[in-house]
Amino acid sequence: GGFAALMVRGSLYLISTVAFFALELFSFCASTNEILRQERRAFAIRRMCGATRAALTVRLASFLAVGVLALPVPSCLALTLLGPPVSTGALAALLSILLVYVALLCVFLRRVFPGRE
């Protein structure tokens, strides 16, 4: 019937969306790792010249925010104006994007600051 076909299509759509997101996340992490590897000396020089850990954290957080949050957050916020059920999905997407951002920030901060001060 129609319901079973709809569930199969929905499941395939969900699986393909998750696979695409995983591929996108993998490529973003690989690119960001390469950029951080190239900038490692610059971070060390900034620290030797007096830059605080907080200043470097803000620098890294803003770099990641441009890559991770700049496009999807305004789109999700615009979709929340449409009301339910679209706003519910947009808020869920916004929450998951923010969680991914925080997780990526923690991972990359550990790579920039590998040891304790």
N, C-alpha and C. Protein backbone atom coordinates (compact mmCIF):
# COMPACT_ATOMS: atom_id res chain seq x y z
N GLY A 1 0.74 -1.18 0.00
CA GLY A 1 0.00 0.00 0.00
C GLY A 1 0.80 1.27 0.00
N GLY A 2 0.03 2.31 0.11
CA GLY A 2 0.60 3.65 0.06
C GLY A 2 1.42 3.99 1.29
N PHE A 3 0.98 3.52 2.46
CA PHE A 3 1.70 3.85 3.68
C PHE A 3 3.08 3.18 3.71
N ALA A 4 3.13 1.92 3.31
CA ALA A 4 4.41 1.20 3.32
C ALA A 4 5.39 1.85 2.34
N ALA A 5 4.91 2.23 1.18
CA ALA A 5 5.79 2.89 0.20
C ALA A 5 6.27 4.23 0.73
N LEU A 6 5.39 4.95 1.39
CA LEU A 6 5.77 6.24 1.98
C LEU A 6 6.83 6.05 3.06
N MET A 7 6.69 5.01 3.88
CA MET A 7 7.68 4.76 4.92
C MET A 7 9.02 4.36 4.32
N VAL A 8 9.00 3.57 3.26
CA VAL A 8 10.25 3.18 2.60
C VAL A 8 10.93 4.40 2.01
N ARG A 9 10.18 5.25 1.33
CA ARG A 9 10.76 6.47 0.76
C ARG A 9 11.32 7.38 1.85
N GLY A 10 10.56 7.53 2.93
CA GLY A 10 11.03 8.35 4.04
C GLY A 10 12.31 7.80 4.65
N SER A 11 12.38 6.49 4.82
CA SER A 11 13.58 5.87 5.37
C SER A 11 14.77 6.05 4.44
N LEU A 12 14.56 5.86 3.16
CA LEU A 12 15.65 6.05 2.20
C LEU A 12 16.12 7.50 2.18
N TYR A 13 15.19 8.42 2.27
CA TYR A 13 15.54 9.84 2.31
C TYR A 13 16.37 10.14 3.56
N LEU A 14 15.95 9.59 4.69
CA LEU A 14 16.67 9.82 5.94
C LEU A 14 18.08 9.22 5.88
N ILE A 15 18.20 8.01 5.39
CA ILE A 15 19.50 7.36 5.28
C ILE A 15 20.42 8.14 4.35
N SER A 16 19.90 8.56 3.21
CA SER A 16 20.74 9.29 2.26
C SER A 16 21.13 10.67 2.82
N THR A 17 20.26 11.31 3.56
CA THR A 17 20.58 12.60 4.17
C THR A 17 21.67 12.43 5.23
N VAL A 18 21.56 11.41 6.05
CA VAL A 18 22.58 11.16 7.08
C VAL A 18 23.91 10.82 6.42
N ALA A 19 23.89 10.02 5.35
CA ALA A 19 25.13 9.67 4.66
C ALA A 19 25.77 10.91 4.04
N PHE A 20 24.96 11.77 3.45
CA PHE A 20 25.49 13.00 2.86
C PHE A 20 26.08 13.90 3.94
N PHE A 21 25.38 14.01 5.07
CA PHE A 21 25.88 14.83 6.17
C PHE A 21 27.20 14.27 6.70
N ALA A 22 27.31 12.95 6.83
CA ALA A 22 28.55 12.34 7.30
C ALA A 22 29.69 12.62 6.33
N LEU A 23 29.43 12.52 5.04
CA LEU A 23 30.44 12.81 4.03
C LEU A 23 30.87 14.28 4.10
N GLU A 24 29.91 15.16 4.23
CA GLU A 24 30.20 16.60 4.35
C GLU A 24 31.01 16.89 5.61
N LEU A 25 30.64 16.28 6.71
CA LEU A 25 31.36 16.48 7.97
C LEU A 25 32.79 15.95 7.87
N PHE A 26 32.96 14.80 7.24
CA PHE A 26 34.29 14.23 7.05
C PHE A 26 35.17 15.15 6.21
N SER A 27 34.62 15.66 5.11
CA SER A 27 35.42 16.54 4.25
C SER A 27 35.73 17.86 4.94
N PHE A 28 34.79 18.40 5.70
CA PHE A 28 35.03 19.64 6.44
C PHE A 28 36.12 19.43 7.48
N CYS A 29 36.07 18.31 8.20
CA CYS A 29 37.10 18.03 9.22
C CYS A 29 38.46 17.86 8.58
N ALA A 30 38.51 17.18 7.43
CA ALA A 30 39.80 17.00 6.76
C ALA A 30 40.37 18.35 6.31
N SER A 31 39.53 19.20 5.75
CA SER A 31 39.98 20.53 5.31
C SER A 31 40.43 21.36 6.50
N THR A 32 39.66 21.34 7.57
CA THR A 32 40.00 22.13 8.74
C THR A 32 41.27 21.61 9.40
N ASN A 33 41.45 20.29 9.43
CA ASN A 33 42.70 19.74 9.97
C ASN A 33 43.90 20.23 9.19
N GLU A 34 43.78 20.28 7.88
CA GLU A 34 44.88 20.75 7.04
C GLU A 34 45.17 22.23 7.31
N ILE A 35 44.12 23.02 7.44
CA ILE A 35 44.30 24.45 7.73
C ILE A 35 44.95 24.63 9.10
N LEU A 36 44.49 23.88 10.09
CA LEU A 36 45.08 23.99 11.43
C LEU A 36 46.53 23.52 11.44
N ARG A 37 46.83 22.50 10.66
CA ARG A 37 48.22 22.03 10.58
C ARG A 37 49.11 23.13 10.00
N GLN A 38 48.60 23.82 8.99
CA GLN A 38 49.36 24.92 8.39
C GLN A 38 49.48 26.11 9.33
N GLU A 39 48.50 26.33 10.16
CA GLU A 39 48.48 27.48 11.07
C GLU A 39 49.07 27.18 12.43
N ARG A 40 49.54 25.97 12.66
CA ARG A 40 50.07 25.60 13.97
C ARG A 40 51.22 26.51 14.39
N ARG A 41 52.12 26.81 13.46
CA ARG A 41 53.23 27.71 13.78
C ARG A 41 52.73 29.11 14.13
N ALA A 42 51.72 29.57 13.38
CA ALA A 42 51.17 30.90 13.65
C ALA A 42 50.56 30.96 15.05
N PHE A 43 49.87 29.89 15.46
CA PHE A 43 49.31 29.85 16.82
C PHE A 43 50.44 29.87 17.85
N ALA A 44 51.51 29.13 17.60
CA ALA A 44 52.63 29.11 18.54
C ALA A 44 53.28 30.48 18.63
N ILE A 45 53.46 31.14 17.51
CA ILE A 45 54.05 32.48 17.52
C ILE A 45 53.15 33.46 18.27
N ARG A 46 51.85 33.38 18.03
CA ARG A 46 50.92 34.27 18.74
C ARG A 46 51.00 34.05 20.25
N ARG A 47 51.11 32.78 20.65
CA ARG A 47 51.20 32.50 22.09
C ARG A 47 52.50 33.03 22.68
N MET A 48 53.60 32.88 21.92
CA MET A 48 54.88 33.39 22.42
C MET A 48 54.89 34.91 22.49
N CYS A 49 54.10 35.56 21.64
CA CYS A 49 54.05 37.02 21.63
C CYS A 49 52.99 37.56 22.59
N GLY A 50 52.40 36.70 23.40
CA GLY A 50 51.51 37.18 24.44
C GLY A 50 50.03 36.95 24.22
N ALA A 51 49.65 36.30 23.14
CA ALA A 51 48.22 36.02 22.94
C ALA A 51 47.75 35.03 24.00
N THR A 52 46.62 35.32 24.59
CA THR A 52 46.09 34.44 25.63
C THR A 52 45.38 33.26 24.98
N ARG A 53 45.20 32.25 25.79
CA ARG A 53 44.46 31.07 25.32
C ARG A 53 43.03 31.47 24.93
N ALA A 54 42.45 32.40 25.68
CA ALA A 54 41.09 32.85 25.36
C ALA A 54 41.05 33.54 24.00
N ALA A 55 42.04 34.37 23.69
CA ALA A 55 42.06 35.06 22.40
C ALA A 55 42.19 34.07 21.25
N LEU A 56 43.03 33.06 21.43
CA LEU A 56 43.18 32.05 20.39
C LEU A 56 41.93 31.19 20.25
N THR A 57 41.25 30.95 21.38
CA THR A 57 40.00 30.20 21.34
C THR A 57 38.93 30.97 20.57
N VAL A 58 38.85 32.28 20.81
CA VAL A 58 37.89 33.11 20.07
C VAL A 58 38.22 33.10 18.58
N ARG A 59 39.50 33.15 18.25
CA ARG A 59 39.93 33.11 16.85
C ARG A 59 39.50 31.80 16.18
N LEU A 60 39.73 30.68 16.85
CA LEU A 60 39.34 29.39 16.29
C LEU A 60 37.83 29.23 16.25
N ALA A 61 37.14 29.69 17.29
CA ALA A 61 35.68 29.58 17.33
C ALA A 61 35.04 30.40 16.22
N SER A 62 35.57 31.57 15.94
CA SER A 62 34.99 32.39 14.86
C SER A 62 35.29 31.79 13.50
N PHE A 63 36.48 31.19 13.33
CA PHE A 63 36.80 30.51 12.07
C PHE A 63 35.83 29.36 11.83
N LEU A 64 35.59 28.54 12.86
CA LEU A 64 34.66 27.43 12.71
C LEU A 64 33.22 27.91 12.52
N ALA A 65 32.86 28.99 13.18
CA ALA A 65 31.49 29.50 13.06
C ALA A 65 31.19 29.93 11.62
N VAL A 66 32.16 30.53 10.98
CA VAL A 66 31.94 30.94 9.58
C VAL A 66 31.71 29.70 8.72
N GLY A 67 32.46 28.64 8.97
CA GLY A 67 32.32 27.44 8.15
C GLY A 67 31.12 26.59 8.49
N VAL A 68 30.75 26.54 9.76
CA VAL A 68 29.69 25.63 10.19
C VAL A 68 28.34 26.33 10.34
N LEU A 69 28.32 27.54 10.86
CA LEU A 69 27.05 28.19 11.23
C LEU A 69 26.55 29.24 10.25
N ALA A 70 27.42 29.79 9.43
CA ALA A 70 27.05 30.96 8.63
C ALA A 70 25.88 30.72 7.69
N LEU A 71 25.84 29.59 7.02
CA LEU A 71 24.75 29.34 6.08
C LEU A 71 23.52 28.69 6.70
N PRO A 72 23.67 27.63 7.50
CA PRO A 72 22.45 26.96 7.97
C PRO A 72 21.67 27.69 9.05
N VAL A 73 22.34 28.44 9.91
CA VAL A 73 21.61 29.09 11.01
C VAL A 73 20.60 30.13 10.52
N PRO A 74 20.97 31.06 9.63
CA PRO A 74 19.95 31.99 9.13
C PRO A 74 18.80 31.28 8.42
N SER A 75 19.11 30.21 7.68
CA SER A 75 18.05 29.46 6.99
C SER A 75 17.10 28.82 7.99
N CYS A 76 17.66 28.21 9.04
CA CYS A 76 16.81 27.59 10.06
C CYS A 76 15.98 28.63 10.80
N LEU A 77 16.59 29.77 11.10
CA LEU A 77 15.84 30.82 11.78
C LEU A 77 14.69 31.34 10.91
N ALA A 78 14.93 31.44 9.61
CA ALA A 78 13.86 31.87 8.71
C ALA A 78 12.74 30.83 8.66
N LEU A 79 13.11 29.55 8.67
CA LEU A 79 12.10 28.49 8.64
C LEU A 79 11.27 28.44 9.92
N THR A 80 11.83 28.88 11.04
CA THR A 80 11.06 28.87 12.28
C THR A 80 9.90 29.86 12.23
N LEU A 81 9.99 30.84 11.35
CA LEU A 81 8.91 31.83 11.22
C LEU A 81 7.68 31.26 10.53
N LEU A 82 7.82 30.10 9.86
CA LEU A 82 6.70 29.51 9.13
C LEU A 82 5.70 28.80 10.02
N GLY A 83 6.08 28.54 11.26
CA GLY A 83 5.16 27.87 12.18
C GLY A 83 5.25 26.35 12.06
N PRO A 84 4.53 25.66 12.98
CA PRO A 84 4.58 24.20 12.99
C PRO A 84 3.99 23.62 11.70
N PRO A 85 4.43 22.48 11.26
CA PRO A 85 5.50 21.61 11.74
C PRO A 85 6.88 22.00 11.22
N VAL A 86 6.95 22.98 10.33
CA VAL A 86 8.24 23.38 9.76
C VAL A 86 9.14 23.95 10.84
N SER A 87 8.60 24.76 11.73
CA SER A 87 9.43 25.38 12.76
C SER A 87 10.01 24.34 13.72
N THR A 88 9.26 23.28 13.98
CA THR A 88 9.76 22.21 14.86
C THR A 88 10.96 21.53 14.23
N GLY A 89 10.86 21.21 12.96
CA GLY A 89 11.98 20.59 12.25
C GLY A 89 13.17 21.53 12.16
N ALA A 90 12.90 22.82 11.93
CA ALA A 90 13.99 23.79 11.84
C ALA A 90 14.70 23.95 13.18
N LEU A 91 13.96 23.94 14.26
CA LEU A 91 14.58 24.04 15.59
C LEU A 91 15.41 22.79 15.90
N ALA A 92 14.91 21.63 15.51
CA ALA A 92 15.68 20.39 15.71
C ALA A 92 16.96 20.44 14.90
N ALA A 93 16.88 20.91 13.66
CA ALA A 93 18.07 21.02 12.82
C ALA A 93 19.04 22.03 13.42
N LEU A 94 18.53 23.14 13.90
CA LEU A 94 19.37 24.17 14.51
C LEU A 94 20.10 23.63 15.75
N LEU A 95 19.38 22.88 16.57
CA LEU A 95 20.00 22.28 17.75
C LEU A 95 21.09 21.29 17.35
N SER A 96 20.83 20.47 16.35
CA SER A 96 21.85 19.50 15.94
C SER A 96 23.06 20.19 15.32
N ILE A 97 22.85 21.27 14.59
CA ILE A 97 23.96 22.03 14.01
C ILE A 97 24.81 22.65 15.12
N LEU A 98 24.16 23.20 16.14
CA LEU A 98 24.89 23.78 17.26
C LEU A 98 25.67 22.72 18.04
N LEU A 99 25.09 21.53 18.19
CA LEU A 99 25.81 20.45 18.87
C LEU A 99 27.03 20.01 18.07
N VAL A 100 26.89 19.92 16.76
CA VAL A 100 28.03 19.57 15.90
C VAL A 100 29.11 20.65 16.00
N TYR A 101 28.70 21.91 16.01
CA TYR A 101 29.65 23.02 16.14
C TYR A 101 30.43 22.92 17.45
N VAL A 102 29.74 22.69 18.54
CA VAL A 102 30.41 22.60 19.84
C VAL A 102 31.36 21.40 19.87
N ALA A 103 30.93 20.27 19.31
CA ALA A 103 31.79 19.09 19.28
C ALA A 103 33.03 19.35 18.43
N LEU A 104 32.86 19.96 17.26
CA LEU A 104 34.01 20.28 16.41
C LEU A 104 34.94 21.26 17.10
N LEU A 105 34.38 22.26 17.77
CA LEU A 105 35.20 23.24 18.47
C LEU A 105 36.04 22.55 19.55
N CYS A 106 35.43 21.65 20.30
CA CYS A 106 36.19 20.93 21.34
C CYS A 106 37.30 20.09 20.73
N VAL A 107 37.01 19.39 19.63
CA VAL A 107 38.03 18.56 18.98
C VAL A 107 39.18 19.42 18.48
N PHE A 108 38.87 20.52 17.82
CA PHE A 108 39.92 21.35 17.25
C PHE A 108 40.68 22.14 18.31
N LEU A 109 40.02 22.49 19.40
CA LEU A 109 40.74 23.14 20.50
C LEU A 109 41.75 22.18 21.12
N ARG A 110 41.41 20.89 21.19
CA ARG A 110 42.37 19.91 21.71
C ARG A 110 43.56 19.76 20.78
N ARG A 111 43.34 19.96 19.48
CA ARG A 111 44.45 19.85 18.55
C ARG A 111 45.33 21.09 18.59
N VAL A 112 44.75 22.24 18.81
CA VAL A 112 45.53 23.48 18.88
C VAL A 112 46.26 23.58 20.21
N PHE A 113 45.59 23.16 21.29
CA PHE A 113 46.18 23.19 22.62
C PHE A 113 46.31 21.76 23.15
N PRO A 114 47.29 21.00 22.68
CA PRO A 114 47.35 19.58 23.05
C PRO A 114 47.69 19.33 24.51
N GLY A 115 48.48 20.20 25.14
CA GLY A 115 48.86 19.98 26.54
C GLY A 115 48.21 20.95 27.47
N ARG A 116 48.37 20.67 28.73
CA ARG A 116 47.86 21.60 29.75
C ARG A 116 48.86 22.71 29.94
N GLU A 117 48.35 23.88 30.30
CA GLU A 117 49.25 25.02 30.56
C GLU A 117 49.81 24.93 31.95
